[in-house]
Every structure is written in C-alpha cells, then in structure tokens.
Amino acid sequence: MEVFEPRASSADRKYLLRLRSGRLCIGERPFKLANLLAWQRYEWNRSVWAAAKNKGGSPAPAGGAASARVDNFTPIVAHAFSRLAPDEWVRGEALGAILRLFYHPARPPDAREVCEQGWRLGGLTRLTIGEHHHYRLADLRSADSERKPENYLQVSNDTTLVVDMRLVPYRSLELIAGISRLRIDGSRLEAVPDFIGLGRAPASVWSDPLTQWVQAHTGSFREMMARIEVQRGKQIIHDNLLLAKVKDLSLKVQIQKAFPDPAQLVVLPNDYLAFPRGSLADIQQLVTRSGYVIRTTKAS
C-alpha cells in the first residue's frame, strides 16, 4: 500500500517501496521475496531494540564478541524456529534461554518482544491457547499460495491486469512484477505485458500456473507471449532498443543507480548503455537535470 501513498518509512530508504519506470522496487532493488525478507528481518531487529531502548534497556556493551552479535538477532531466532517439527509450536518464553546463552554476558533482547514484533511484521505465525501465545516461522513463499488468481486479479478490456494489493500473495506479486510493466491508476495497480521481462523469464515462470492463467485470460499477454514463443532460440535485434554512449563516469553511475533493474538498463563495453525505448524519457530527464547536453543520432 506504500506504493499508492508514498511516505517516509520507519526503515531507512534502502527498503522504501516505489514504482520506478514501471518496475516495483524495494529501495534500489527489484521486488523479490528475498528482498522483502531482508526488509522484514531488518525492521524486526530494529523495532525490538528500539522498544528495549524506550523501556530503559540497553543493548550489549561495546567491544567484544557480544557487541558484534547484538546488531542482528534474526539469524539466531530464525535458525531456532527452523528446528521445529511441522506440527510444533513454541511459547515465547522458551526462546529466552537461547537468547541468554547467545548474548552472555550481555543483556539479550526480550524474548516476548522478539516474538510479538516478529508476529506483527509477518515473520512468525502465532497460535493462542488460553492465555498463552505459541509461535513458529512464517513462510512468505507459501503464505496464501492456495489463493486462486481470480481472487486477486481482474482483467480490464482484455489488455490490463488489475492487481488487488490487499489480497495478492507475495509470490504471485513477485511473478507479476517480473513479467509486467506496472502503473498506478487512482487506487488501482495495473499491469501490462513487458516484452523484455517475458523474454528473459525462465521456463519455470512460463509454465507456472499463474502465468498460464494470465495468458489464458488476458489477450495482451497471450499475444505477446505468442510473439516471443515464435522467436525463441533465435537472435533478435530489438526494434525498441536504444543505445547511449556516456563517457562521464559520474553521470554513468547516476544512471545505473536510478535504473538498477537489468531489464531497464544494460551496461555494455566502450561506455555504451542499452535500454528499452520506454525508458528514454526518464533517462533524458535525469541527464538534463544533471546539467548535461544530449546529442542524438539514428543508425543508417
């Protein structure tokens, strides 16, 4: 939902969610489950230590092995929970013994706070029996994986997918973001087929049930996938591919940082950059804003 209402985040800017030239990004990186998990662990760790500070607690003292470990408790907690059997749950207090052992002689994070913040951020699932809470790891990849595409996708005019951001599973959002160009229309997230994203997608994405559903229900995706299928195995000179020669190193770095997705920008030898025609306006704006002059030429 942060994409619809951009705002400052409690995490630092490297985890802000934004649309950039039709791509869903977490900070400078494309939206992927691994990057979402990195944000989740970062915010989990940050929020627990912030709560401890507000309550007058203090992290491990400076110096020694303990101070190095205090920076991030999430690998310890994730490993501990990963040892549970499929039908096994643990009360938050039981985690305290592991944390005390690991942080000795420093003060560990509060086990109940660790579990509650982990549950709040979706890193843990919780089962309440009577007055006691029990926890285990949540799996972002399998969460809501049984939800049918028609429950979170609509098709508009046979050309555009409308994604319900409240209901779409994370794994499905990652797949859609990888093969589509995204845009915001009011409170709707819309997806149209992306030739480069689809062309680079591995066979596992093409054969995925969600991709098959999109192909069957959306004419624009079906037509583009048919075009790509005909060309598979052939060397293609892309009609919509543009080249830019950028000799200034600082400008080149600015462009690469603004377009980190290889589907948007590819660095070539001899100071050349390649990018789809759809990114031209954004790149021109960046170059002009930086005070450089653009010269254009057409191939003969």
Protein backbone atom coordinates (compact mmCIF):
# COMPACT_ATOMS: atom_id res chain seq x y z
CA MET A 1 0.00 0.00 0.00
CA GLU A 2 3.04 2.27 0.42
CA VAL A 3 3.25 2.43 -3.40
CA PHE A 4 -0.11 4.24 -3.52
CA GLU A 5 0.70 6.67 -0.70
CA PRO A 6 4.47 7.33 -0.69
CA ARG A 7 5.67 8.28 2.76
CA ALA A 8 8.73 8.20 4.94
CA SER A 9 9.39 4.71 6.23
CA SER A 10 10.49 3.60 9.68
CA ALA A 11 13.18 1.61 7.90
CA ASP A 12 15.86 3.54 6.08
CA ARG A 13 15.45 4.45 2.42
CA LYS A 14 17.05 1.29 1.10
CA TYR A 15 13.76 -0.52 1.79
CA LEU A 16 11.22 2.04 0.54
CA LEU A 17 8.68 0.58 -1.89
CA ARG A 18 8.32 2.55 -5.13
CA LEU A 19 7.39 2.19 -8.78
CA ARG A 20 10.33 3.16 -10.98
CA SER A 21 9.78 3.24 -14.73
CA GLY A 22 7.11 0.58 -14.44
CA ARG A 23 9.10 -1.62 -12.07
CA LEU A 24 8.19 -2.38 -8.46
CA CYS A 25 11.30 -1.83 -6.34
CA ILE A 26 12.37 -2.16 -2.73
CA GLY A 27 14.88 0.62 -2.41
CA GLU A 28 17.26 0.27 -5.35
CA ARG A 29 16.45 -3.40 -5.95
CA PRO A 30 13.60 -5.11 -7.82
CA PHE A 31 10.74 -6.52 -5.76
CA LYS A 32 11.56 -10.12 -4.90
CA LEU A 33 10.71 -12.33 -1.96
CA ALA A 34 14.37 -12.37 -0.89
CA ASN A 35 14.42 -8.57 -0.75
CA LEU A 36 11.09 -8.49 1.09
CA LEU A 37 12.51 -10.95 3.63
CA ALA A 38 15.61 -8.75 4.04
CA TRP A 39 13.36 -5.77 4.86
CA GLN A 40 11.30 -7.88 7.25
CA ARG A 41 14.37 -9.06 9.17
CA TYR A 42 15.85 -5.56 9.21
CA GLU A 43 12.68 -3.98 10.62
CA TRP A 44 12.16 -6.85 13.06
CA ASN A 45 15.62 -6.35 14.53
CA ARG A 46 15.33 -2.54 14.56
CA SER A 47 11.90 -2.46 16.22
CA VAL A 48 12.87 -4.85 19.05
CA TRP A 49 15.98 -2.88 20.02
CA ALA A 50 14.04 0.40 19.72
CA ALA A 51 11.42 -0.97 22.14
CA ALA A 52 14.16 -2.04 24.55
CA LYS A 53 15.69 1.43 24.46
CA ASN A 54 12.31 3.06 25.10
CA LYS A 55 11.83 0.82 28.14
CA GLY A 56 15.19 1.85 29.55
CA GLY A 57 17.05 -1.26 28.50
CA SER A 58 20.36 -1.27 26.72
CA PRO A 59 21.96 -3.48 24.12
CA ALA A 60 25.20 -5.37 24.65
CA PRO A 61 28.16 -3.28 25.79
CA ALA A 62 30.63 -2.00 23.23
CA GLY A 63 33.57 -4.22 22.43
CA GLY A 64 33.97 -7.98 22.39
CA ALA A 65 32.04 -10.69 20.57
CA ALA A 66 28.76 -9.79 22.24
CA SER A 67 28.68 -6.31 20.70
CA ALA A 68 29.07 -7.80 17.23
CA ARG A 69 26.18 -10.18 17.82
CA VAL A 70 23.78 -7.52 19.11
CA ASP A 71 23.50 -5.95 15.67
CA ASN A 72 21.10 -8.60 14.38
CA PHE A 73 19.40 -11.34 16.37
CA THR A 74 17.17 -12.54 13.49
CA PRO A 75 19.52 -15.26 12.15
CA ILE A 76 19.62 -16.82 15.64
CA VAL A 77 15.85 -16.72 16.05
CA ALA A 78 15.17 -17.96 12.51
CA HIS A 79 17.54 -20.89 12.99
CA ALA A 80 15.98 -21.81 16.34
CA PHE A 81 12.45 -21.81 14.92
CA SER A 82 13.57 -23.70 11.80
CA ARG A 83 14.40 -26.69 14.02
CA LEU A 84 10.74 -27.18 14.94
CA ALA A 85 8.81 -30.12 13.57
CA PRO A 86 5.98 -29.29 11.09
CA ASP A 87 3.32 -29.50 13.83
CA GLU A 88 5.39 -27.99 16.64
CA TRP A 89 4.90 -24.55 18.22
CA VAL A 90 6.90 -22.81 20.97
CA ARG A 91 5.98 -20.26 23.62
CA GLY A 92 7.92 -17.03 23.52
CA GLU A 93 9.48 -17.62 26.94
CA ALA A 94 11.26 -20.73 25.63
CA LEU A 95 13.21 -18.57 23.21
CA GLY A 96 14.65 -16.63 26.14
CA ALA A 97 17.06 -19.43 27.11
CA ILE A 98 18.62 -19.45 23.63
CA LEU A 99 18.99 -15.67 23.55
CA ARG A 100 20.54 -15.56 27.03
CA LEU A 101 23.04 -18.23 26.04
CA PHE A 102 23.99 -16.46 22.83
CA TYR A 103 24.30 -12.98 24.34
CA HIS A 104 26.01 -13.95 27.60
CA PRO A 105 27.26 -11.96 29.45
CA ALA A 106 25.43 -9.08 27.75
CA ARG A 107 21.72 -8.40 28.10
CA PRO A 108 19.73 -10.16 25.33
CA PRO A 109 16.62 -8.77 23.63
CA ASP A 110 13.38 -9.58 25.41
CA ALA A 111 12.09 -12.92 24.10
CA ARG A 112 8.43 -11.92 24.28
CA GLU A 113 9.16 -8.67 22.42
CA VAL A 114 11.08 -10.63 19.78
CA CYS A 115 8.12 -12.93 19.23
CA GLU A 116 5.48 -10.20 19.25
CA GLN A 117 7.36 -7.96 16.82
CA GLY A 118 8.13 -10.97 14.62
CA TRP A 119 4.43 -11.81 14.52
CA ARG A 120 3.42 -8.18 13.87
CA LEU A 121 5.78 -7.99 10.88
CA GLY A 122 4.76 -11.36 9.46
CA GLY A 123 8.00 -13.18 10.28
CA LEU A 124 6.23 -15.50 12.71
CA THR A 125 2.79 -17.05 12.89
CA ARG A 126 1.00 -17.19 16.23
CA LEU A 127 -1.32 -19.69 17.87
CA THR A 128 -3.14 -18.66 21.06
CA ILE A 129 -4.25 -21.33 23.52
CA GLY A 130 -5.94 -19.92 26.57
CA GLU A 131 -3.77 -17.02 27.75
CA HIS A 132 -0.58 -18.25 26.13
CA HIS A 133 0.83 -17.42 22.70
CA HIS A 134 2.78 -20.00 20.71
CA TYR A 135 4.91 -19.23 17.66
CA ARG A 136 6.62 -20.71 14.63
CA LEU A 137 8.24 -19.29 11.48
CA ALA A 138 6.02 -17.90 8.74
CA ASP A 139 6.83 -18.78 5.15
CA LEU A 140 6.45 -15.82 2.79
CA ARG A 141 6.57 -18.06 -0.26
CA SER A 142 3.77 -20.36 0.84
CA ALA A 143 1.59 -17.70 2.51
CA ASP A 144 -1.80 -17.63 0.77
CA SER A 145 -0.33 -19.78 -2.01
CA GLU A 146 -3.61 -21.65 -2.40
CA ARG A 147 -5.50 -18.46 -3.23
CA LYS A 148 -6.81 -18.59 -6.80
CA PRO A 149 -5.73 -15.87 -9.28
CA GLU A 150 -9.30 -14.73 -9.85
CA ASN A 151 -9.45 -13.77 -6.16
CA TYR A 152 -6.77 -11.08 -6.54
CA LEU A 153 -6.61 -10.36 -10.30
CA GLN A 154 -9.11 -8.73 -12.64
CA VAL A 155 -8.80 -8.21 -16.39
CA SER A 156 -9.68 -4.83 -17.89
CA ASN A 157 -10.50 -4.57 -21.61
CA ASP A 158 -8.61 -7.80 -22.31
CA THR A 159 -5.37 -5.80 -22.10
CA THR A 160 -4.64 -4.94 -18.48
CA LEU A 161 -4.37 -6.86 -15.23
CA VAL A 162 -5.70 -5.10 -12.14
CA VAL A 163 -3.93 -6.35 -9.01
CA ASP A 164 -5.64 -6.28 -5.62
CA MET A 165 -2.70 -5.38 -3.36
CA ARG A 166 -4.62 -6.40 -0.25
CA LEU A 167 -5.07 -9.99 -1.38
CA VAL A 168 -2.25 -10.85 -3.79
CA PRO A 169 0.20 -13.43 -2.34
CA TYR A 170 3.82 -12.26 -2.20
CA ARG A 171 5.00 -14.98 -4.54
CA SER A 172 2.35 -14.04 -7.10
CA LEU A 173 3.27 -10.35 -6.85
CA GLU A 174 6.92 -11.21 -7.49
CA LEU A 175 6.00 -13.17 -10.62
CA ILE A 176 3.65 -10.49 -11.96
CA ALA A 177 6.20 -7.73 -11.29
CA GLY A 178 8.82 -9.70 -13.19
CA ILE A 179 6.84 -10.04 -16.44
CA SER A 180 4.86 -6.78 -16.42
CA ARG A 181 5.15 -3.03 -16.55
CA LEU A 182 3.24 -1.60 -13.63
CA ARG A 183 1.38 1.68 -13.24
CA ILE A 184 -0.96 3.30 -10.74
CA ASP A 185 -4.43 4.42 -11.79
CA GLY A 186 -6.09 6.05 -8.81
CA SER A 187 -6.16 3.34 -6.16
CA ARG A 188 -5.52 0.52 -8.64
CA LEU A 189 -2.25 -1.19 -9.51
CA GLU A 190 -2.36 -2.13 -13.19
CA ALA A 191 -0.03 -4.49 -15.06
CA VAL A 192 0.57 -4.73 -18.81
CA PRO A 193 2.90 -7.23 -20.51
CA ASP A 194 6.60 -6.42 -20.64
CA PHE A 195 8.39 -7.81 -23.68
CA ILE A 196 11.81 -7.83 -22.04
CA GLY A 197 10.57 -9.30 -18.76
CA LEU A 198 8.68 -12.07 -20.52
CA GLY A 199 11.55 -12.73 -22.91
CA ARG A 200 14.02 -13.13 -20.05
CA ALA A 201 11.71 -15.17 -17.84
CA PRO A 202 12.88 -18.78 -17.39
CA ALA A 203 10.82 -21.77 -18.47
CA SER A 204 9.67 -22.27 -14.87
CA VAL A 205 7.91 -18.86 -14.98
CA TRP A 206 6.28 -19.59 -18.34
CA SER A 207 4.97 -22.93 -17.08
CA ASP A 208 3.82 -21.54 -13.73
CA PRO A 209 0.04 -21.92 -13.17
CA LEU A 210 -0.28 -18.18 -12.53
CA THR A 211 1.43 -17.29 -15.83
CA GLN A 212 -0.79 -19.81 -17.60
CA TRP A 213 -3.87 -18.18 -16.05
CA VAL A 214 -2.72 -14.71 -17.11
CA GLN A 215 -2.06 -15.95 -20.65
CA ALA A 216 -5.46 -17.61 -20.88
CA HIS A 217 -7.45 -14.64 -19.54
CA THR A 218 -5.59 -11.58 -20.90
CA GLY A 219 -5.34 -11.01 -24.65
CA SER A 220 -2.35 -8.65 -24.46
CA PHE A 221 -0.25 -11.16 -22.55
CA ARG A 222 -1.39 -14.00 -24.79
CA GLU A 223 -0.42 -12.12 -27.97
CA MET A 224 2.98 -11.01 -26.66
CA MET A 225 3.82 -14.47 -25.36
CA ALA A 226 2.91 -15.95 -28.74
CA ARG A 227 5.28 -13.49 -30.46
CA ILE A 228 8.09 -14.37 -28.08
CA GLU A 229 7.45 -18.10 -28.45
CA VAL A 230 7.92 -17.85 -32.21
CA GLN A 231 11.30 -16.17 -31.73
CA ARG A 232 12.64 -18.46 -29.00
CA GLY A 233 16.09 -19.75 -29.83
CA LYS A 234 16.72 -17.02 -32.40
CA GLN A 235 18.96 -14.00 -32.14
CA ILE A 236 16.81 -10.88 -32.06
CA ILE A 237 17.70 -7.26 -32.73
CA HIS A 238 15.11 -5.46 -30.65
CA ASP A 239 13.32 -2.72 -32.60
CA ASN A 240 12.63 -0.80 -29.39
CA LEU A 241 16.17 -0.98 -28.00
CA LEU A 242 18.20 2.24 -27.77
CA LEU A 243 21.91 2.81 -27.17
CA ALA A 244 23.57 5.68 -25.35
CA LYS A 245 27.26 6.48 -25.07
CA VAL A 246 28.10 8.04 -21.70
CA LYS A 247 31.75 8.96 -21.19
CA ASP A 248 31.33 10.85 -17.93
CA LEU A 249 31.81 8.36 -15.08
CA SER A 250 29.72 10.24 -12.52
CA LEU A 251 26.78 10.52 -14.90
CA LYS A 252 27.05 6.84 -15.77
CA VAL A 253 26.93 5.96 -12.05
CA GLN A 254 23.86 8.18 -11.57
CA ILE A 255 22.05 6.43 -14.42
CA GLN A 256 22.97 2.97 -13.15
CA LYS A 257 21.74 3.80 -9.64
CA ALA A 258 18.47 5.19 -10.99
CA PHE A 259 17.88 2.08 -13.15
CA PRO A 260 19.23 -0.92 -11.21
CA ASP A 261 16.97 -3.46 -12.93
CA PRO A 262 18.82 -5.18 -15.83
CA ALA A 263 15.51 -5.22 -17.70
CA GLN A 264 15.73 -1.41 -17.78
CA LEU A 265 19.42 -0.87 -18.36
CA VAL A 266 22.38 -2.95 -19.50
CA VAL A 267 25.97 -1.72 -19.29
CA LEU A 268 28.00 -2.52 -22.43
CA PRO A 269 31.72 -2.13 -23.21
CA ASN A 270 33.21 1.13 -24.50
CA ASP A 271 30.95 3.43 -22.42
CA TYR A 272 27.69 2.23 -24.01
CA LEU A 273 24.37 1.67 -22.24
CA ALA A 274 21.38 -0.17 -23.72
CA PHE A 275 17.80 0.41 -22.61
CA PRO A 276 14.22 -0.02 -23.92
CA ARG A 277 12.59 2.90 -25.71
CA GLY A 278 10.05 3.19 -22.90
CA SER A 279 12.82 4.35 -20.51
CA LEU A 280 14.07 7.11 -22.84
CA ALA A 281 12.07 9.97 -21.30
CA ASP A 282 13.16 9.08 -17.75
CA ILE A 283 16.83 8.83 -18.74
CA GLN A 284 16.68 12.10 -20.70
CA GLN A 285 15.12 13.84 -17.71
CA LEU A 286 17.85 12.56 -15.38
CA VAL A 287 20.65 13.60 -17.77
CA THR A 288 19.19 17.08 -18.36
CA ARG A 289 18.57 17.63 -14.66
CA SER A 290 22.23 16.78 -14.01
CA GLY A 291 23.31 19.58 -16.37
CA TYR A 292 24.43 17.52 -19.36
CA VAL A 293 23.59 18.04 -23.03
CA ILE A 294 22.06 15.18 -25.04
CA ARG A 295 23.04 14.54 -28.63
CA THR A 296 21.02 12.03 -30.69
CA THR A 297 21.74 10.15 -33.89
CA LYS A 298 20.00 7.47 -35.92
CA ALA A 299 21.60 4.33 -37.31
CA SER A 300 21.80 4.29 -41.10
